[in-house]
Amino acid sequence: MMDTEVISKRQTITVATLAAATEISRDKVRYYTRIGLLKPSRNAANGYKVYRESDIGRTKFILKAKHLGYSLKEIEEILNHAHHGHSPCPLVRDIIDSRIEANRKKLDELNKLQARMELAAVAWKTLPDKVPDGDSICHLIESFIND
């Protein structure tokens, strides 16, 4: 019986240990637990949540997926596929392909905005400051020609 208790204790870890092992805050571990990405058990003696050593790898996976731009909802979906014995790889590819296309569009919009801003900044350098006169609020913006 004693050997089983020792092994059981070694296989479970606390919030603090999981946080330290994955270099995230305890609050983040608790948040991932609250939203269901981590599913600890309860210590029968004190009711505290205890994690398995495998949760270190699971947490590192979550962090890598976040670093690649996956949302927590998408990560949950990926983890559910894996949990049910299905390869999440097709889903992972679909999400990243979609995200790449969306990012390209955003970058294009940002580049166009940056160009407009730079044109305006150059044009406005030579214009004087003016006080609003009732018909005009800011002649700088009002003088800008939309493309």
Protein backbone atom coordinates (compact mmCIF):
# COMPACT_ATOMS: atom_id res chain seq x y z
CA MET A 1 0.00 0.00 0.00
CA MET A 2 2.81 2.39 0.84
CA ASP A 3 4.45 1.92 -2.59
CA THR A 4 1.17 2.76 -4.34
CA GLU A 5 0.83 5.97 -2.33
CA VAL A 6 4.38 7.03 -3.20
CA ILE A 7 3.89 6.30 -6.90
CA SER A 8 0.53 8.10 -6.86
CA LYS A 9 2.08 11.16 -5.24
CA ARG A 10 4.91 11.19 -7.79
CA GLN A 11 2.46 11.05 -10.68
CA THR A 12 0.46 14.04 -9.46
CA ILE A 13 1.67 17.59 -9.28
CA THR A 14 0.34 20.85 -7.92
CA VAL A 15 -0.64 24.04 -9.72
CA ALA A 16 2.65 25.59 -8.58
CA THR A 17 4.72 22.71 -9.93
CA LEU A 18 2.89 22.72 -13.27
CA ALA A 19 3.29 26.49 -13.55
CA ALA A 20 7.01 26.31 -12.79
CA ALA A 21 7.59 23.40 -15.17
CA THR A 22 5.92 25.23 -18.06
CA GLU A 23 7.11 28.73 -17.14
CA ILE A 24 3.64 30.24 -16.90
CA SER A 25 1.78 31.80 -14.01
CA ARG A 26 -0.35 29.84 -11.59
CA ASP A 27 -3.25 32.02 -12.67
CA LYS A 28 -2.80 30.87 -16.26
CA VAL A 29 -2.82 27.22 -15.13
CA ARG A 30 -6.01 27.92 -13.19
CA TYR A 31 -7.53 29.69 -16.22
CA TYR A 32 -6.71 26.79 -18.54
CA THR A 33 -8.32 24.53 -15.94
CA ARG A 34 -11.41 26.73 -15.63
CA ILE A 35 -12.01 26.69 -19.42
CA GLY A 36 -11.43 22.93 -19.62
CA LEU A 37 -8.08 22.73 -21.41
CA LEU A 38 -6.59 21.08 -18.33
CA LYS A 39 -8.60 18.53 -16.37
CA PRO A 40 -7.06 17.87 -12.97
CA SER A 41 -8.39 15.42 -10.43
CA ARG A 42 -9.00 16.17 -6.77
CA ASN A 43 -6.81 15.11 -3.89
CA ALA A 44 -9.14 13.04 -1.71
CA ALA A 45 -7.36 14.14 1.46
CA ASN A 46 -7.63 17.90 1.01
CA GLY A 47 -9.79 18.53 -2.07
CA TYR A 48 -7.03 20.39 -3.91
CA LYS A 49 -6.73 20.03 -7.65
CA VAL A 50 -3.85 17.83 -8.69
CA TYR A 51 -2.41 17.47 -12.15
CA ARG A 52 -0.68 14.58 -13.85
CA GLU A 53 2.86 14.81 -15.13
CA SER A 54 1.37 14.45 -18.62
CA ASP A 55 -0.30 17.84 -18.07
CA ILE A 56 3.15 19.41 -18.41
CA GLY A 57 3.30 18.19 -22.01
CA ARG A 58 -0.32 19.18 -22.59
CA THR A 59 0.36 22.69 -21.28
CA LYS A 60 3.46 23.01 -23.44
CA PHE A 61 1.35 21.94 -26.42
CA ILE A 62 -1.21 24.64 -25.60
CA LEU A 63 1.56 27.24 -25.40
CA LYS A 64 3.09 26.15 -28.72
CA ALA A 65 -0.30 26.26 -30.41
CA LYS A 66 -0.96 29.74 -29.01
CA HIS A 67 2.46 30.83 -30.26
CA LEU A 68 1.44 29.68 -33.75
CA GLY A 69 -1.70 31.82 -33.55
CA TYR A 70 -4.34 29.26 -32.61
CA SER A 71 -7.11 30.53 -30.35
CA LEU A 72 -7.91 28.73 -27.12
CA LYS A 73 -11.21 27.60 -28.66
CA GLU A 74 -9.32 26.10 -31.62
CA ILE A 75 -6.84 24.45 -29.26
CA GLU A 76 -9.75 22.93 -27.37
CA GLU A 77 -11.10 21.53 -30.64
CA ILE A 78 -7.68 20.11 -31.55
CA LEU A 79 -7.34 18.50 -28.12
CA ASN A 80 -10.85 17.02 -28.41
CA HIS A 81 -9.99 15.44 -31.76
CA ALA A 82 -6.90 13.86 -30.24
CA HIS A 83 -8.78 12.77 -27.11
CA HIS A 84 -11.33 10.92 -29.24
CA GLY A 85 -8.61 9.09 -31.16
CA HIS A 86 -8.88 11.18 -34.33
CA SER A 87 -5.92 12.84 -35.99
CA PRO A 88 -6.19 16.58 -35.44
CA CYS A 89 -3.67 17.22 -38.24
CA PRO A 90 -6.23 17.98 -41.00
CA LEU A 91 -7.96 20.45 -38.68
CA VAL A 92 -4.62 21.99 -37.70
CA ARG A 93 -3.73 22.48 -41.37
CA ASP A 94 -7.14 23.93 -42.26
CA ILE A 95 -7.02 26.42 -39.40
CA ILE A 96 -3.48 27.59 -40.17
CA ASP A 97 -4.22 27.92 -43.91
CA SER A 98 -7.29 30.01 -43.10
CA ARG A 99 -5.33 32.12 -40.61
CA ILE A 100 -2.51 32.71 -43.12
CA GLU A 101 -5.01 34.00 -45.71
CA ALA A 102 -6.73 36.24 -43.15
CA ASN A 103 -3.36 37.60 -42.02
CA ARG A 104 -2.37 38.34 -45.62
CA LYS A 105 -5.53 40.40 -46.05
CA LYS A 106 -4.90 42.25 -42.78
CA LEU A 107 -1.30 42.92 -43.74
CA ASP A 108 -2.41 44.24 -47.13
CA GLU A 109 -4.93 46.55 -45.42
CA LEU A 110 -2.27 47.69 -42.93
CA ASN A 111 0.23 48.38 -45.72
CA LYS A 112 -2.36 50.47 -47.56
CA LEU A 113 -3.18 52.34 -44.36
CA GLN A 114 0.52 52.93 -43.69
CA ALA A 115 0.99 54.36 -47.18
CA ARG A 116 -2.02 56.71 -46.74
CA MET A 117 -0.71 57.85 -43.37
CA GLU A 118 2.76 58.53 -44.76
CA LEU A 119 1.30 60.52 -47.69
CA ALA A 120 -0.83 62.56 -45.30
CA ALA A 121 2.10 63.22 -42.94
CA VAL A 122 4.25 64.50 -45.82
CA ALA A 123 1.46 66.69 -47.23
CA TRP A 124 0.56 68.11 -43.82
CA LYS A 125 4.12 69.21 -42.98
CA THR A 126 3.72 72.31 -45.20
CA LEU A 127 0.17 73.20 -44.13
CA PRO A 128 -0.39 75.72 -41.31
CA ASP A 129 -2.35 75.01 -38.16
CA LYS A 130 -5.88 76.43 -38.23
CA VAL A 131 -8.55 77.00 -35.65
CA PRO A 132 -11.95 75.41 -36.39
CA ASP A 133 -14.24 78.01 -37.97
CA GLY A 134 -17.63 76.34 -37.77
CA ASP A 135 -17.41 74.89 -41.27
CA SER A 136 -14.16 73.08 -40.68
CA ILE A 137 -13.05 70.87 -37.80
CA CYS A 138 -9.49 70.01 -38.88
CA HIS A 139 -8.45 71.17 -42.31
CA LEU A 140 -5.62 68.63 -42.38
CA ILE A 141 -7.96 65.64 -42.41
CA GLU A 142 -10.50 67.47 -44.55
CA SER A 143 -7.81 68.29 -47.15
CA PHE A 144 -6.81 64.67 -47.55
CA ILE A 145 -7.95 63.22 -50.85
CA ASN A 146 -9.26 59.64 -50.62
CA ASP A 147 -7.94 57.22 -53.19
